[in-house]
Amino acid sequence: MTSHKFNYTFVLDKTNNIEIYLPESVFEPTYTSNLCIEAAQKIIDINSSVLDLGCGSGIVGLALAKNNDIKKISCSDLSPHATSAAKINFELYGIDADIRTGSLFEPWKKSKFDFIIDDVSGISEEVAKMSPWFGENIPCFSGKDGTELTLEVIYKAKNFLNTSGGLFIPVISLSNVNKLIKIANKSFKNVSEVASKTWALPKDMMNQIERLKQLKSEGIINFEERFGTILCNTKIYYLRD
């Protein structure tokens, strides 16, 4: 039995929190995590096999297993710090999961899933470096426009999906949204928005506002300015054939 203890409270919704173990070297869950869970709960049933790709602390897969009784949970992340934390969290709750370390689909050769939930880095690398979200041991290799990892997931996902399976992808306005949606529609027959949230940029990023405006003018990212606040948006899309 692990000696680690819960040290972080993830607020799932107004009435439901999940306690997890979260070391400093692992990405802290964000609105994207909440939206991925919200979207998945609308579509995934308890008999489905689910891959939480870019799992971080394992919060998405853990929430689905704990609150929706989904038994076949697999998780992976590039960071060994993340997969170590995910293993601890599933163990703390006594829930079984197949957790592996590696880049994107590399750990899952010859594996197939009913659903894949993509939660890999999806914002511009330059914005990530400005942000409080990515620490020294937290990777973000999403490219200048934030699309590189998500596009790779879109291109490769069908090789790891069962027939009639589906892929959830977060699309964040701090990336090239139009590019992502265009490729998603070319790659899958059905692309639908299943969850959305508008959120304020952290105040400690406002000192980078001129550079953010420049990135916006270049079409790399997008946001709204309202009453001195920068508003961004995250949407979850469900892709299937």
Protein backbone atom coordinates (compact mmCIF):
# COMPACT_ATOMS: atom_id res chain seq x y z
CA MET A 1 0.00 0.00 0.00
CA THR A 2 1.34 3.45 -0.91
CA SER A 3 2.50 5.77 1.89
CA HIS A 4 1.48 8.86 -0.08
CA LYS A 5 -1.48 10.96 0.99
CA PHE A 6 -3.96 13.26 -0.68
CA ASN A 7 -2.67 16.84 -0.87
CA TYR A 8 -4.86 18.43 -3.55
CA THR A 9 -8.61 18.91 -3.94
CA PHE A 10 -9.93 18.78 -7.49
CA VAL A 11 -13.28 20.57 -7.75
CA LEU A 12 -15.26 18.49 -10.21
CA ASP A 13 -18.48 20.48 -9.94
CA LYS A 14 -20.50 22.43 -7.35
CA THR A 15 -21.30 19.31 -5.32
CA ASN A 16 -18.42 16.94 -6.03
CA ASN A 17 -14.71 17.10 -5.17
CA ILE A 18 -12.02 14.47 -5.66
CA GLU A 19 -8.99 14.33 -3.40
CA ILE A 20 -5.75 13.37 -5.18
CA TYR A 21 -2.02 13.19 -4.61
CA LEU A 22 -0.34 15.89 -6.75
CA PRO A 23 3.44 16.48 -6.55
CA GLU A 24 4.89 19.80 -7.78
CA SER A 25 6.41 18.08 -10.82
CA VAL A 26 2.98 17.13 -12.21
CA PHE A 27 0.61 19.37 -14.17
CA GLU A 28 -2.19 20.77 -12.03
CA PRO A 29 -5.68 19.99 -13.40
CA THR A 30 -7.38 22.89 -15.19
CA TYR A 31 -10.76 23.75 -16.70
CA THR A 32 -9.78 21.45 -19.57
CA SER A 33 -9.79 18.50 -17.18
CA ASN A 34 -13.27 19.42 -15.96
CA LEU A 35 -14.57 19.78 -19.50
CA CYS A 36 -13.05 16.47 -20.62
CA ILE A 37 -14.81 14.73 -17.73
CA GLU A 38 -18.08 16.57 -18.42
CA ALA A 39 -18.00 15.64 -22.11
CA ALA A 40 -17.04 12.01 -21.50
CA GLN A 41 -19.80 11.53 -18.94
CA LYS A 42 -22.38 12.47 -21.58
CA ILE A 43 -21.28 9.75 -24.00
CA ILE A 44 -19.22 6.97 -22.41
CA ASP A 45 -21.01 4.02 -20.78
CA ILE A 46 -19.71 1.74 -18.03
CA ASN A 47 -18.83 -1.14 -20.37
CA SER A 48 -16.51 0.97 -22.53
CA SER A 49 -12.73 0.86 -22.63
CA VAL A 50 -11.22 4.33 -22.19
CA LEU A 51 -7.74 5.72 -22.81
CA ASP A 52 -6.82 8.90 -20.90
CA LEU A 53 -4.02 10.23 -23.13
CA GLY A 54 -1.77 12.80 -21.48
CA CYS A 55 -3.20 11.76 -18.15
CA GLY A 56 -1.12 13.89 -15.79
CA SER A 57 -2.20 12.95 -12.27
CA GLY A 58 -4.81 10.60 -13.76
CA ILE A 59 -7.70 12.85 -12.76
CA VAL A 60 -9.86 12.32 -15.88
CA GLY A 61 -9.67 8.54 -15.85
CA LEU A 62 -9.98 8.48 -12.07
CA ALA A 63 -13.13 10.61 -12.12
CA LEU A 64 -14.74 8.36 -14.74
CA ALA A 65 -13.82 5.22 -12.81
CA LYS A 66 -14.85 6.61 -9.41
CA ASN A 67 -18.04 8.48 -10.33
CA ASN A 68 -19.25 6.62 -13.43
CA ASP A 69 -18.11 3.10 -12.55
CA ILE A 70 -16.17 2.67 -15.81
CA LYS A 71 -13.99 -0.37 -15.25
CA LYS A 72 -11.62 -0.43 -18.25
CA ILE A 73 -9.41 2.62 -17.73
CA SER A 74 -5.99 3.06 -19.33
CA CYS A 75 -3.76 6.09 -18.81
CA SER A 76 -0.49 7.32 -20.26
CA ASP A 77 1.74 10.37 -20.19
CA LEU A 78 5.15 11.38 -21.49
CA SER A 79 6.21 12.35 -17.97
CA PRO A 80 7.25 9.56 -15.58
CA HIS A 81 6.44 11.96 -12.74
CA ALA A 82 2.86 12.10 -14.00
CA THR A 83 2.38 8.36 -14.46
CA SER A 84 3.91 7.72 -11.03
CA ALA A 85 1.36 10.13 -9.50
CA ALA A 86 -1.47 8.56 -11.51
CA LYS A 87 -0.56 5.09 -10.23
CA ILE A 88 -0.55 6.39 -6.67
CA ASN A 89 -3.96 8.04 -7.10
CA PHE A 90 -5.61 4.94 -8.51
CA GLU A 91 -4.03 2.87 -5.74
CA LEU A 92 -5.27 5.29 -3.07
CA TYR A 93 -8.81 4.68 -4.31
CA GLY A 94 -8.30 0.95 -4.80
CA ILE A 95 -9.15 1.22 -8.50
CA ASP A 96 -7.41 -0.81 -11.19
CA ALA A 97 -5.98 0.94 -14.25
CA ASP A 98 -3.37 0.17 -16.90
CA ILE A 99 -0.93 3.09 -16.61
CA ARG A 100 2.05 3.45 -18.94
CA THR A 101 4.77 6.02 -19.69
CA GLY A 102 5.55 7.24 -23.20
CA SER A 103 4.85 9.75 -25.94
CA LEU A 104 1.25 9.81 -27.18
CA PHE A 105 0.30 6.38 -28.58
CA GLU A 106 3.79 4.87 -28.31
CA PRO A 107 2.92 2.81 -25.17
CA TRP A 108 -0.24 1.38 -26.79
CA LYS A 109 0.96 -0.47 -29.88
CA LYS A 110 -1.61 -3.08 -30.97
CA SER A 111 -4.12 -1.74 -28.40
CA LYS A 112 -7.67 -0.64 -29.24
CA PHE A 113 -10.13 1.43 -27.21
CA ASP A 114 -13.77 2.42 -27.43
CA PHE A 115 -12.95 6.00 -26.47
CA ILE A 116 -9.80 8.10 -26.35
CA ILE A 117 -9.71 11.29 -24.30
CA ASP A 118 -6.89 13.55 -25.47
CA ASP A 119 -5.59 15.82 -22.71
CA VAL A 120 -2.10 16.51 -24.07
CA SER A 121 -0.69 20.05 -24.16
CA GLY A 122 -2.82 22.16 -26.48
CA ILE A 123 -1.71 25.78 -26.21
CA SER A 124 1.03 27.70 -27.96
CA GLU A 125 4.44 26.81 -26.54
CA GLU A 126 5.25 30.49 -26.22
CA VAL A 127 2.10 31.11 -24.20
CA ALA A 128 2.86 28.04 -22.08
CA LYS A 129 6.24 29.55 -21.14
CA MET A 130 4.49 32.73 -19.98
CA SER A 131 1.92 30.84 -17.95
CA PRO A 132 1.86 29.48 -14.38
CA TRP A 133 0.67 26.07 -15.67
CA PHE A 134 3.95 24.55 -16.87
CA GLY A 135 6.80 24.06 -14.41
CA GLU A 136 10.37 22.91 -14.94
CA ASN A 137 9.46 19.20 -15.13
CA ILE A 138 6.18 19.61 -17.01
CA PRO A 139 6.60 19.20 -20.78
CA CYS A 140 4.87 21.27 -23.45
CA PHE A 141 5.95 20.42 -26.99
CA SER A 142 2.88 21.70 -28.81
CA GLY A 143 4.63 24.02 -31.27
CA LYS A 144 4.32 27.75 -31.87
CA ASP A 145 0.60 27.58 -32.66
CA GLY A 146 -0.22 24.93 -30.04
CA THR A 147 -1.51 22.34 -32.53
CA GLU A 148 1.34 19.88 -33.05
CA LEU A 149 0.45 17.30 -30.40
CA THR A 150 -3.31 17.49 -30.93
CA LEU A 151 -2.91 17.08 -34.70
CA GLU A 152 -0.72 14.03 -34.20
CA VAL A 153 -3.43 12.54 -31.97
CA ILE A 154 -6.10 13.27 -34.60
CA TYR A 155 -4.04 11.71 -37.39
CA LYS A 156 -3.20 8.53 -35.44
CA ALA A 157 -6.28 7.97 -33.28
CA LYS A 158 -8.16 5.71 -35.74
CA ASN A 159 -5.38 3.12 -35.45
CA PHE A 160 -6.23 2.79 -31.75
CA LEU A 161 -10.03 3.04 -31.86
CA ASN A 162 -12.46 0.16 -32.08
CA THR A 163 -15.11 0.29 -34.78
CA SER A 164 -17.62 3.04 -33.92
CA GLY A 165 -15.18 4.38 -31.32
CA GLY A 166 -14.68 8.10 -30.67
CA LEU A 167 -12.02 10.67 -29.81
CA PHE A 168 -12.45 13.65 -27.46
CA ILE A 169 -10.13 16.60 -28.11
CA PRO A 170 -9.87 19.91 -26.24
CA VAL A 171 -9.57 22.96 -28.49
CA ILE A 172 -8.25 25.99 -26.63
CA SER A 173 -8.31 29.53 -27.98
CA LEU A 174 -4.64 29.92 -27.02
CA SER A 175 -3.88 27.83 -30.11
CA ASN A 176 -4.76 27.93 -33.81
CA VAL A 177 -8.38 26.81 -33.43
CA ASN A 178 -9.34 27.09 -37.11
CA LYS A 179 -6.46 24.84 -38.15
CA LEU A 180 -7.45 22.16 -35.64
CA ILE A 181 -11.12 22.14 -36.59
CA LYS A 182 -10.30 22.03 -40.30
CA ILE A 183 -8.06 18.97 -39.88
CA ALA A 184 -10.56 17.31 -37.52
CA ASN A 185 -13.30 17.61 -40.16
CA LYS A 186 -11.00 16.20 -42.84
CA SER A 187 -10.02 13.24 -40.64
CA PHE A 188 -13.40 12.24 -39.16
CA LYS A 189 -16.89 12.17 -40.65
CA ASN A 190 -18.57 13.55 -37.53
CA VAL A 191 -17.16 16.40 -35.45
CA SER A 192 -19.38 17.88 -32.74
CA GLU A 193 -18.88 20.31 -29.87
CA VAL A 194 -19.91 18.64 -26.60
CA ALA A 195 -18.67 21.04 -23.89
CA SER A 196 -17.44 24.62 -23.64
CA LYS A 197 -16.21 27.12 -21.05
CA THR A 198 -15.00 30.71 -21.18
CA TRP A 199 -12.36 31.62 -18.60
CA ALA A 200 -10.16 34.54 -17.60
CA LEU A 201 -6.45 34.57 -18.27
CA PRO A 202 -4.44 34.52 -15.00
CA LYS A 203 -3.65 38.04 -13.82
CA ASP A 204 0.07 37.29 -13.61
CA MET A 205 0.11 36.87 -17.41
CA MET A 206 -1.23 40.38 -18.05
CA ASN A 207 2.30 41.78 -18.13
CA GLN A 208 2.68 39.84 -21.41
CA ILE A 209 -0.39 41.41 -23.00
CA GLU A 210 1.47 43.12 -25.87
CA ARG A 211 3.09 39.86 -26.95
CA LEU A 212 -0.24 38.06 -26.62
CA LYS A 213 -1.86 40.69 -28.84
CA GLN A 214 0.88 40.20 -31.40
CA LEU A 215 0.32 36.42 -31.41
CA LYS A 216 -3.38 37.10 -31.87
CA SER A 217 -2.73 39.43 -34.81
CA GLU A 218 -0.64 36.66 -36.41
CA GLY A 219 -3.59 34.24 -36.13
CA ILE A 220 -1.67 31.96 -33.75
CA ILE A 221 -4.01 32.39 -30.78
CA ASN A 222 -7.29 34.15 -30.06
CA PHE A 223 -8.98 35.80 -27.08
CA GLU A 224 -11.43 38.56 -26.16
CA GLU A 225 -10.66 41.69 -24.18
CA ARG A 226 -13.45 42.78 -21.88
CA PHE A 227 -13.25 45.35 -19.05
CA GLY A 228 -9.50 44.92 -18.71
CA THR A 229 -9.73 41.13 -18.62
CA ILE A 230 -8.51 38.65 -21.21
CA LEU A 231 -11.14 35.97 -21.85
CA CYS A 232 -10.16 32.64 -23.39
CA ASN A 233 -12.25 29.64 -24.35
CA THR A 234 -11.91 25.88 -24.17
CA LYS A 235 -14.17 23.58 -26.15
CA ILE A 236 -14.31 19.79 -26.22
CA TYR A 237 -15.05 18.19 -29.57
CA TYR A 238 -16.10 14.61 -30.12
CA LEU A 239 -14.75 13.02 -33.31
CA ARG A 240 -16.04 9.80 -34.83
CA ASP A 241 -16.79 8.16 -38.19
